[in-house]
Amino acid sequence: MAETFQTGDYVSYSSSGICRIDDIRQEAPAGKGEPKTFYILKPLADPGSTIFVPTTNPVLLARMKRLPTQEDADAMILAAGQEEKPWIDDRKLRIASFQSILKACELKELLGLVTCIYRKGQALTAQGKRLAASDEAVLRRAEGLIENELSFVLGLQKDQVGVYIREKLGM
């Protein structure tokens, strides 16, 4: 059964980030056909835009995720620090895997991705090498998505999220 949301709830919506559900209403698509029920989302990062999510579209509904509690976020952070996500040596497969994780915007997966890239970067640094530019770009994008969600959930400034995570992991 699909998760239901209420007006006033905050959700993470794909790469749009944190959104407030401003309304749940019926509208006829483009003024034609039978009215459908929509969640009306307002992205916090771009309050001038509006996202209409039909309640009958499972693909678009899957992009709406309830935000974790602080306890859930802490558990995900600790799990990411303990789990070893394997590094994919084949560059094309690695990029495809990383892009899939970024597109899904699942906090737990993003934390695992960042941990994996960070550990690989440390290993390469010990060898006098660096991460590929594409891996660094993925790392920055994933960190941005994590900062966006956790800053809201934890009530922190975005630049404090990394410090919070490192403290949780004892780094």
N, C-alpha and C. Protein backbone atom coordinates (compact mmCIF):
# COMPACT_ATOMS: atom_id res chain seq x y z
N MET A 1 0.84 -1.19 0.00
CA MET A 1 0.00 0.00 0.00
C MET A 1 0.87 1.24 0.00
N ALA A 2 0.51 2.21 -0.81
CA ALA A 2 1.28 3.45 -0.92
C ALA A 2 1.15 4.25 0.37
N GLU A 3 2.24 4.92 0.70
CA GLU A 3 2.26 5.75 1.90
C GLU A 3 1.39 6.98 1.65
N THR A 4 0.68 7.39 2.67
CA THR A 4 -0.13 8.59 2.54
C THR A 4 0.51 9.72 3.33
N PHE A 5 0.35 10.90 2.81
CA PHE A 5 0.91 12.09 3.43
C PHE A 5 -0.21 13.08 3.69
N GLN A 6 0.07 14.04 4.54
CA GLN A 6 -0.91 15.07 4.90
C GLN A 6 -0.37 16.45 4.53
N THR A 7 -1.28 17.38 4.36
CA THR A 7 -0.88 18.77 4.15
C THR A 7 -0.03 19.21 5.35
N GLY A 8 1.07 19.86 5.06
CA GLY A 8 1.97 20.32 6.11
C GLY A 8 3.15 19.37 6.35
N ASP A 9 3.07 18.12 5.85
CA ASP A 9 4.19 17.19 5.99
C ASP A 9 5.37 17.67 5.16
N TYR A 10 6.56 17.34 5.63
CA TYR A 10 7.78 17.59 4.86
C TYR A 10 8.26 16.25 4.33
N VAL A 11 8.67 16.26 3.06
CA VAL A 11 9.14 15.04 2.41
C VAL A 11 10.40 15.37 1.61
N SER A 12 11.14 14.32 1.30
CA SER A 12 12.23 14.45 0.35
C SER A 12 11.66 14.02 -0.99
N TYR A 13 11.82 14.86 -2.00
CA TYR A 13 11.30 14.52 -3.32
C TYR A 13 12.43 14.49 -4.32
N SER A 14 12.92 13.29 -4.58
CA SER A 14 13.95 13.06 -5.58
C SER A 14 15.05 14.10 -5.43
N SER A 15 15.55 14.62 -6.54
CA SER A 15 16.65 15.57 -6.47
C SER A 15 16.17 17.00 -6.18
N SER A 16 14.86 17.20 -6.00
CA SER A 16 14.34 18.53 -5.64
C SER A 16 14.59 18.84 -4.18
N GLY A 17 14.93 17.82 -3.39
CA GLY A 17 15.25 18.03 -1.99
C GLY A 17 14.02 18.04 -1.10
N ILE A 18 14.13 18.78 -0.01
CA ILE A 18 13.06 18.84 0.97
C ILE A 18 11.93 19.71 0.43
N CYS A 19 10.73 19.17 0.52
CA CYS A 19 9.53 19.89 0.07
C CYS A 19 8.48 19.84 1.17
N ARG A 20 7.66 20.87 1.20
CA ARG A 20 6.50 20.91 2.10
C ARG A 20 5.28 20.59 1.26
N ILE A 21 4.42 19.72 1.78
CA ILE A 21 3.16 19.45 1.08
C ILE A 21 2.22 20.59 1.44
N ASP A 22 2.02 21.48 0.48
CA ASP A 22 1.19 22.66 0.70
C ASP A 22 -0.29 22.36 0.58
N ASP A 23 -0.62 21.36 -0.24
CA ASP A 23 -2.03 21.09 -0.47
C ASP A 23 -2.17 19.69 -1.06
N ILE A 24 -3.36 19.15 -0.91
CA ILE A 24 -3.75 17.91 -1.59
C ILE A 24 -5.09 18.24 -2.21
N ARG A 25 -5.10 18.29 -3.55
CA ARG A 25 -6.34 18.73 -4.19
C ARG A 25 -6.57 18.03 -5.53
N GLN A 26 -7.80 18.16 -5.98
CA GLN A 26 -8.17 17.59 -7.27
C GLN A 26 -8.07 18.65 -8.34
N GLU A 27 -7.48 18.25 -9.47
CA GLU A 27 -7.38 19.14 -10.62
C GLU A 27 -7.53 18.30 -11.87
N ALA A 28 -8.05 18.91 -12.89
CA ALA A 28 -8.12 18.24 -14.19
C ALA A 28 -6.81 18.51 -14.91
N PRO A 29 -6.11 17.45 -15.35
CA PRO A 29 -4.82 17.64 -16.03
C PRO A 29 -4.99 18.51 -17.28
N ALA A 30 -4.24 19.59 -17.34
CA ALA A 30 -4.27 20.54 -18.46
C ALA A 30 -5.69 20.96 -18.81
N GLY A 31 -6.56 20.98 -17.80
CA GLY A 31 -7.93 21.42 -18.03
C GLY A 31 -8.79 20.41 -18.77
N LYS A 32 -8.28 19.19 -18.98
CA LYS A 32 -9.02 18.18 -19.73
C LYS A 32 -9.16 16.92 -18.89
N GLY A 33 -10.16 16.14 -19.23
CA GLY A 33 -10.31 14.84 -18.60
C GLY A 33 -10.85 14.92 -17.19
N GLU A 34 -10.88 13.76 -16.57
CA GLU A 34 -11.37 13.63 -15.20
C GLU A 34 -10.36 14.24 -14.22
N PRO A 35 -10.85 14.91 -13.21
CA PRO A 35 -9.94 15.44 -12.19
C PRO A 35 -9.20 14.31 -11.47
N LYS A 36 -7.94 14.58 -11.14
CA LYS A 36 -7.11 13.65 -10.38
C LYS A 36 -6.66 14.34 -9.10
N THR A 37 -6.37 13.55 -8.10
CA THR A 37 -5.87 14.09 -6.84
C THR A 37 -4.35 14.23 -6.93
N PHE A 38 -3.86 15.39 -6.51
CA PHE A 38 -2.43 15.69 -6.56
C PHE A 38 -1.93 16.12 -5.19
N TYR A 39 -0.68 15.72 -4.87
CA TYR A 39 0.05 16.35 -3.78
C TYR A 39 0.70 17.59 -4.40
N ILE A 40 0.56 18.73 -3.76
CA ILE A 40 1.15 19.97 -4.23
C ILE A 40 2.37 20.25 -3.34
N LEU A 41 3.57 20.12 -3.92
CA LEU A 41 4.82 20.25 -3.17
C LEU A 41 5.49 21.59 -3.44
N LYS A 42 6.03 22.18 -2.40
CA LYS A 42 6.82 23.41 -2.51
C LYS A 42 8.24 23.10 -2.03
N PRO A 43 9.21 23.07 -2.96
CA PRO A 43 10.60 22.83 -2.55
C PRO A 43 11.11 23.97 -1.67
N LEU A 44 11.74 23.63 -0.55
CA LEU A 44 12.26 24.67 0.34
C LEU A 44 13.38 25.45 -0.33
N ALA A 45 14.17 24.78 -1.19
CA ALA A 45 15.28 25.45 -1.85
C ALA A 45 14.81 26.37 -2.97
N ASP A 46 13.59 26.19 -3.45
CA ASP A 46 13.05 27.01 -4.54
C ASP A 46 11.56 27.23 -4.30
N PRO A 47 11.21 28.07 -3.31
CA PRO A 47 9.81 28.23 -2.94
C PRO A 47 8.93 28.79 -4.05
N GLY A 48 9.52 29.35 -5.10
CA GLY A 48 8.73 29.86 -6.21
C GLY A 48 8.23 28.77 -7.14
N SER A 49 8.78 27.57 -7.01
CA SER A 49 8.34 26.49 -7.90
C SER A 49 7.35 25.60 -7.17
N THR A 50 6.59 24.88 -7.96
CA THR A 50 5.58 23.97 -7.43
C THR A 50 5.69 22.65 -8.17
N ILE A 51 5.58 21.57 -7.43
CA ILE A 51 5.62 20.23 -8.02
C ILE A 51 4.27 19.57 -7.77
N PHE A 52 3.65 19.08 -8.85
CA PHE A 52 2.37 18.39 -8.76
C PHE A 52 2.64 16.89 -8.89
N VAL A 53 2.28 16.13 -7.86
CA VAL A 53 2.49 14.68 -7.87
C VAL A 53 1.14 13.99 -7.81
N PRO A 54 0.74 13.32 -8.91
CA PRO A 54 -0.55 12.62 -8.90
C PRO A 54 -0.51 11.46 -7.91
N THR A 55 -1.54 11.35 -7.11
CA THR A 55 -1.58 10.29 -6.10
C THR A 55 -1.78 8.91 -6.71
N THR A 56 -2.07 8.85 -8.01
CA THR A 56 -2.28 7.57 -8.68
C THR A 56 -1.08 7.14 -9.51
N ASN A 57 0.03 7.90 -9.47
CA ASN A 57 1.21 7.57 -10.26
C ASN A 57 2.28 6.97 -9.35
N PRO A 58 2.43 5.64 -9.37
CA PRO A 58 3.37 4.99 -8.45
C PRO A 58 4.82 5.39 -8.68
N VAL A 59 5.20 5.70 -9.91
CA VAL A 59 6.58 6.09 -10.20
C VAL A 59 6.90 7.42 -9.53
N LEU A 60 6.01 8.40 -9.67
CA LEU A 60 6.24 9.70 -9.05
C LEU A 60 6.07 9.64 -7.54
N LEU A 61 5.13 8.85 -7.07
CA LEU A 61 4.94 8.70 -5.62
C LEU A 61 6.17 8.08 -4.97
N ALA A 62 6.85 7.18 -5.69
CA ALA A 62 8.04 6.53 -5.13
C ALA A 62 9.17 7.54 -4.89
N ARG A 63 9.10 8.67 -5.56
CA ARG A 63 10.11 9.72 -5.36
C ARG A 63 9.87 10.52 -4.09
N MET A 64 8.66 10.42 -3.53
CA MET A 64 8.32 11.12 -2.28
C MET A 64 8.67 10.21 -1.11
N LYS A 65 9.57 10.68 -0.27
CA LYS A 65 9.98 9.87 0.87
C LYS A 65 9.81 10.66 2.16
N ARG A 66 9.26 9.97 3.12
CA ARG A 66 9.13 10.57 4.45
C ARG A 66 10.53 10.82 4.99
N LEU A 67 10.72 11.95 5.65
CA LEU A 67 12.03 12.26 6.23
C LEU A 67 12.29 11.39 7.45
N PRO A 68 13.54 11.00 7.65
CA PRO A 68 13.86 10.19 8.83
C PRO A 68 13.81 11.05 10.09
N THR A 69 13.62 10.39 11.21
CA THR A 69 13.75 11.08 12.49
C THR A 69 15.24 11.23 12.78
N GLN A 70 15.59 11.99 13.81
CA GLN A 70 17.00 12.11 14.18
C GLN A 70 17.56 10.75 14.56
N GLU A 71 16.76 9.94 15.25
CA GLU A 71 17.22 8.61 15.65
C GLU A 71 17.46 7.73 14.43
N ASP A 72 16.57 7.80 13.44
CA ASP A 72 16.76 7.04 12.20
C ASP A 72 18.02 7.51 11.47
N ALA A 73 18.21 8.81 11.41
CA ALA A 73 19.39 9.37 10.73
C ALA A 73 20.67 8.91 11.42
N ASP A 74 20.68 8.96 12.75
CA ASP A 74 21.86 8.51 13.50
C ASP A 74 22.15 7.03 13.22
N ALA A 75 21.11 6.22 13.19
CA ALA A 75 21.29 4.79 12.92
C ALA A 75 21.84 4.57 11.51
N MET A 76 21.37 5.33 10.53
CA MET A 76 21.88 5.21 9.16
C MET A 76 23.34 5.63 9.07
N ILE A 77 23.70 6.68 9.80
CA ILE A 77 25.09 7.15 9.80
C ILE A 77 25.99 6.07 10.39
N LEU A 78 25.58 5.51 11.52
CA LEU A 78 26.40 4.46 12.15
C LEU A 78 26.50 3.22 11.27
N ALA A 79 25.41 2.85 10.62
CA ALA A 79 25.42 1.68 9.73
C ALA A 79 26.36 1.92 8.54
N ALA A 80 26.34 3.13 7.99
CA ALA A 80 27.22 3.44 6.86
C ALA A 80 28.69 3.36 7.26
N GLY A 81 28.99 3.71 8.50
CA GLY A 81 30.36 3.64 9.00
C GLY A 81 30.83 2.22 9.23
N GLN A 82 29.90 1.30 9.43
CA GLN A 82 30.26 -0.09 9.74
C GLN A 82 30.20 -1.00 8.51
N GLU A 83 29.37 -0.63 7.54
CA GLU A 83 29.21 -1.48 6.36
C GLU A 83 30.29 -1.16 5.34
N GLU A 84 30.78 -2.18 4.68
CA GLU A 84 31.76 -2.00 3.61
C GLU A 84 31.07 -2.12 2.27
N LYS A 85 30.82 -1.02 1.63
CA LYS A 85 30.29 -1.04 0.27
C LYS A 85 31.47 -1.30 -0.65
N PRO A 86 31.39 -2.34 -1.48
CA PRO A 86 32.56 -2.66 -2.32
C PRO A 86 32.81 -1.63 -3.40
N TRP A 87 34.07 -1.38 -3.67
CA TRP A 87 34.48 -0.48 -4.74
C TRP A 87 34.39 -1.24 -6.06
N ILE A 88 33.85 -0.61 -7.06
CA ILE A 88 33.73 -1.24 -8.38
C ILE A 88 34.89 -0.73 -9.23
N ASP A 89 35.78 -1.63 -9.61
CA ASP A 89 36.97 -1.24 -10.36
C ASP A 89 36.65 -0.78 -11.78
N ASP A 90 35.68 -1.42 -12.42
CA ASP A 90 35.32 -1.04 -13.79
C ASP A 90 34.67 0.34 -13.76
N ARG A 91 35.33 1.32 -14.39
CA ARG A 91 34.90 2.71 -14.31
C ARG A 91 33.46 2.91 -14.81
N LYS A 92 33.11 2.32 -15.94
CA LYS A 92 31.76 2.50 -16.49
C LYS A 92 30.70 1.91 -15.57
N LEU A 93 30.97 0.72 -15.04
CA LEU A 93 30.01 0.11 -14.10
C LEU A 93 29.90 0.92 -12.82
N ARG A 94 31.05 1.45 -12.35
CA ARG A 94 31.06 2.25 -11.13
C ARG A 94 30.24 3.52 -11.32
N ILE A 95 30.45 4.21 -12.44
CA ILE A 95 29.71 5.45 -12.70
C ILE A 95 28.22 5.16 -12.79
N ALA A 96 27.85 4.08 -13.48
CA ALA A 96 26.43 3.71 -13.60
C ALA A 96 25.84 3.43 -12.22
N SER A 97 26.57 2.71 -11.39
CA SER A 97 26.09 2.40 -10.04
C SER A 97 25.94 3.68 -9.21
N PHE A 98 26.95 4.53 -9.28
CA PHE A 98 26.91 5.79 -8.52
C PHE A 98 25.74 6.66 -8.98
N GLN A 99 25.54 6.76 -10.29
CA GLN A 99 24.44 7.60 -10.82
C GLN A 99 23.09 7.05 -10.38
N SER A 100 22.97 5.74 -10.33
CA SER A 100 21.72 5.12 -9.88
C SER A 100 21.43 5.49 -8.42
N ILE A 101 22.45 5.47 -7.60
CA ILE A 101 22.29 5.83 -6.18
C ILE A 101 21.92 7.31 -6.05
N LEU A 102 22.59 8.17 -6.82
CA LEU A 102 22.28 9.60 -6.77
C LEU A 102 20.84 9.86 -7.21
N LYS A 103 20.40 9.17 -8.24
CA LYS A 103 19.05 9.38 -8.76
C LYS A 103 17.99 8.94 -7.75
N ALA A 104 18.24 7.84 -7.05
CA ALA A 104 17.27 7.33 -6.09
C ALA A 104 17.16 8.23 -4.85
N CYS A 105 18.23 8.94 -4.52
CA CYS A 105 18.25 9.87 -3.36
C CYS A 105 17.81 9.20 -2.06
N GLU A 106 18.20 7.96 -1.84
CA GLU A 106 17.93 7.27 -0.57
C GLU A 106 19.06 7.61 0.39
N LEU A 107 18.74 8.20 1.52
CA LEU A 107 19.74 8.67 2.47
C LEU A 107 20.72 7.56 2.86
N LYS A 108 20.21 6.38 3.18
CA LYS A 108 21.09 5.28 3.60
C LYS A 108 22.08 4.93 2.50
N GLU A 109 21.60 4.85 1.27
CA GLU A 109 22.48 4.51 0.14
C GLU A 109 23.48 5.64 -0.12
N LEU A 110 23.05 6.88 0.00
CA LEU A 110 23.96 8.01 -0.19
C LEU A 110 25.07 8.01 0.85
N LEU A 111 24.71 7.71 2.10
CA LEU A 111 25.73 7.64 3.15
C LEU A 111 26.73 6.52 2.87
N GLY A 112 26.23 5.37 2.41
CA GLY A 112 27.12 4.27 2.04
C GLY A 112 28.03 4.63 0.88
N LEU A 113 27.48 5.34 -0.10
CA LEU A 113 28.25 5.78 -1.25
C LEU A 113 29.38 6.72 -0.84
N VAL A 114 29.05 7.71 -0.02
CA VAL A 114 30.06 8.67 0.43
C VAL A 114 31.15 7.96 1.23
N THR A 115 30.76 7.04 2.08
CA THR A 115 31.73 6.29 2.87
C THR A 115 32.66 5.48 1.97
N CYS A 116 32.09 4.84 0.97
CA CYS A 116 32.86 4.03 0.03
C CYS A 116 33.88 4.90 -0.73
N ILE A 117 33.43 6.02 -1.26
CA ILE A 117 34.33 6.90 -2.02
C ILE A 117 35.38 7.51 -1.10
N TYR A 118 34.98 7.87 0.09
CA TYR A 118 35.91 8.46 1.06
C TYR A 118 37.02 7.46 1.40
N ARG A 119 36.63 6.21 1.66
CA ARG A 119 37.63 5.18 2.00
C ARG A 119 38.57 4.92 0.82
N LYS A 120 38.02 4.88 -0.39
CA LYS A 120 38.86 4.68 -1.58
C LYS A 120 39.83 5.85 -1.72
N GLY A 121 39.34 7.05 -1.49
CA GLY A 121 40.21 8.23 -1.55
C GLY A 121 41.35 8.16 -0.56
N GLN A 122 41.07 7.70 0.66
CA GLN A 122 42.12 7.54 1.67
C GLN A 122 43.16 6.52 1.22
N ALA A 123 42.69 5.40 0.68
CA ALA A 123 43.61 4.35 0.21
C ALA A 123 44.48 4.88 -0.94
N LEU A 124 43.89 5.63 -1.85
CA LEU A 124 44.66 6.18 -2.96
C LEU A 124 45.67 7.22 -2.47
N THR A 125 45.27 8.05 -1.51
CA THR A 125 46.16 9.06 -0.96
C THR A 125 47.38 8.39 -0.33
N ALA A 126 47.16 7.28 0.35
CA ALA A 126 48.27 6.54 0.97
C ALA A 126 49.26 6.02 -0.08
N GLN A 127 48.77 5.86 -1.31
CA GLN A 127 49.63 5.40 -2.42
C GLN A 127 50.16 6.57 -3.25
N GLY A 128 49.86 7.78 -2.82
CA GLY A 128 50.30 8.95 -3.56
C GLY A 128 49.44 9.23 -4.78
N LYS A 129 48.21 8.72 -4.79
CA LYS A 129 47.31 8.90 -5.93
C LYS A 129 46.07 9.67 -5.48
N ARG A 130 45.20 9.95 -6.46
CA ARG A 130 43.97 10.68 -6.18
C ARG A 130 42.78 9.98 -6.80
N LEU A 131 41.61 10.34 -6.32
CA LEU A 131 40.37 9.87 -6.93
C LEU A 131 40.24 10.46 -8.33
N ALA A 132 39.55 9.75 -9.20
CA ALA A 132 39.23 10.29 -10.53
C ALA A 132 38.29 11.48 -10.35
N ALA A 133 38.35 12.41 -11.28
CA ALA A 133 37.51 13.60 -11.20
C ALA A 133 36.03 13.23 -11.17
N SER A 134 35.64 12.19 -11.92
CA SER A 134 34.23 11.76 -11.93
C SER A 134 33.81 11.25 -10.55
N ASP A 135 34.71 10.55 -9.85
CA ASP A 135 34.39 10.05 -8.51
C ASP A 135 34.29 11.21 -7.52
N GLU A 136 35.17 12.20 -7.66
CA GLU A 136 35.09 13.38 -6.79
C GLU A 136 33.80 14.15 -7.03
N ALA A 137 33.37 14.23 -8.29
CA ALA A 137 32.12 14.94 -8.61
C ALA A 137 30.92 14.22 -7.98
N VAL A 138 30.93 12.89 -8.03
CA VAL A 138 29.86 12.11 -7.41
C VAL A 138 29.88 12.33 -5.90
N LEU A 139 31.07 12.33 -5.32
CA LEU A 139 31.20 12.55 -3.88
C LEU A 139 30.60 13.90 -3.48
N ARG A 140 30.93 14.95 -4.21
CA ARG A 140 30.39 16.29 -3.90
C ARG A 140 28.87 16.32 -4.04
N ARG A 141 28.35 15.69 -5.09
CA ARG A 141 26.89 15.67 -5.31
C ARG A 141 26.19 14.91 -4.18
N ALA A 142 26.73 13.75 -3.82
CA ALA A 142 26.14 12.94 -2.75
C ALA A 142 26.20 13.68 -1.41
N GLU A 143 27.33 14.32 -1.14
CA GLU A 143 27.45 15.10 0.10
C GLU A 143 26.43 16.23 0.13
N GLY A 144 26.21 16.87 -0.99
CA GLY A 144 25.21 17.94 -1.06
C GLY A 144 23.81 17.44 -0.76
N LEU A 145 23.46 16.29 -1.33
CA LEU A 145 22.13 15.71 -1.07
C LEU A 145 21.98 15.33 0.41
N ILE A 146 23.03 14.75 0.97
CA ILE A 146 23.01 14.37 2.39
C ILE A 146 22.89 15.62 3.27
N GLU A 147 23.70 16.63 2.97
CA GLU A 147 23.65 17.88 3.75
C GLU A 147 22.27 18.51 3.70
N ASN A 148 21.65 18.50 2.54
CA ASN A 148 20.33 19.09 2.38
C ASN A 148 19.32 18.41 3.31
N GLU A 149 19.30 17.09 3.28
CA GLU A 149 18.32 16.36 4.08
C GLU A 149 18.64 16.40 5.56
N LEU A 150 19.90 16.11 5.91
CA LEU A 150 20.24 16.03 7.33
C LEU A 150 20.25 17.39 8.01
N SER A 151 20.57 18.45 7.28
CA SER A 151 20.53 19.77 7.93
C SER A 151 19.11 20.09 8.37
N PHE A 152 18.12 19.69 7.56
CA PHE A 152 16.73 19.92 7.92
C PHE A 152 16.32 19.02 9.08
N VAL A 153 16.62 17.73 8.96
CA VAL A 153 16.21 16.74 9.98
C VAL A 153 16.86 17.03 11.33
N LEU A 154 18.15 17.39 11.31
CA LEU A 154 18.90 17.58 12.55
C LEU A 154 18.89 19.02 13.05
N GLY A 155 18.32 19.93 12.26
CA GLY A 155 18.29 21.34 12.67
C GLY A 155 19.67 21.97 12.69
N LEU A 156 20.52 21.59 11.72
CA LEU A 156 21.88 22.11 11.64
C LEU A 156 22.05 22.95 10.37
N GLN A 157 23.08 23.77 10.37
CA GLN A 157 23.49 24.43 9.14
C GLN A 157 24.13 23.38 8.24
N LYS A 158 24.04 23.56 6.93
CA LYS A 158 24.59 22.57 6.00
C LYS A 158 26.06 22.29 6.25
N ASP A 159 26.83 23.34 6.59
CA ASP A 159 28.26 23.13 6.80
C ASP A 159 28.58 22.41 8.11
N GLN A 160 27.57 22.19 8.96
CA GLN A 160 27.77 21.47 10.21
C GLN A 160 27.47 19.97 10.08
N VAL A 161 26.86 19.57 8.99
CA VAL A 161 26.44 18.17 8.83
C VAL A 161 27.64 17.24 8.77
N GLY A 162 28.66 17.60 8.01
CA GLY A 162 29.86 16.76 7.91
C GLY A 162 30.52 16.57 9.27
N VAL A 163 30.59 17.64 10.04
CA VAL A 163 31.16 17.57 11.38
C VAL A 163 30.32 16.61 12.25
N TYR A 164 29.01 16.74 12.17
CA TYR A 164 28.11 15.89 12.93
C TYR A 164 28.33 14.42 12.58
N ILE A 165 28.42 14.13 11.29
CA ILE A 165 28.62 12.74 10.84
C ILE A 165 29.96 12.20 11.34
N ARG A 166 31.02 13.00 11.19
CA ARG A 166 32.34 12.54 11.65
C ARG A 166 32.35 12.30 13.15
N GLU A 167 31.67 13.15 13.92
CA GLU A 167 31.59 12.95 15.37
C GLU A 167 30.85 11.66 15.69
N LYS A 168 29.75 11.40 14.98
CA LYS A 168 28.98 10.16 15.20
C LYS A 168 29.83 8.94 14.91
N LEU A 169 30.70 9.05 13.90
CA LEU A 169 31.54 7.91 13.51
C LEU A 169 32.87 7.88 14.26
N GLY A 170 33.09 8.86 15.13
CA GLY A 170 34.33 8.90 15.91
C GLY A 170 35.55 9.18 15.06
N MET A 171 35.39 10.00 14.06
CA MET A 171 36.51 10.32 13.15
C MET A 171 37.12 11.66 13.49
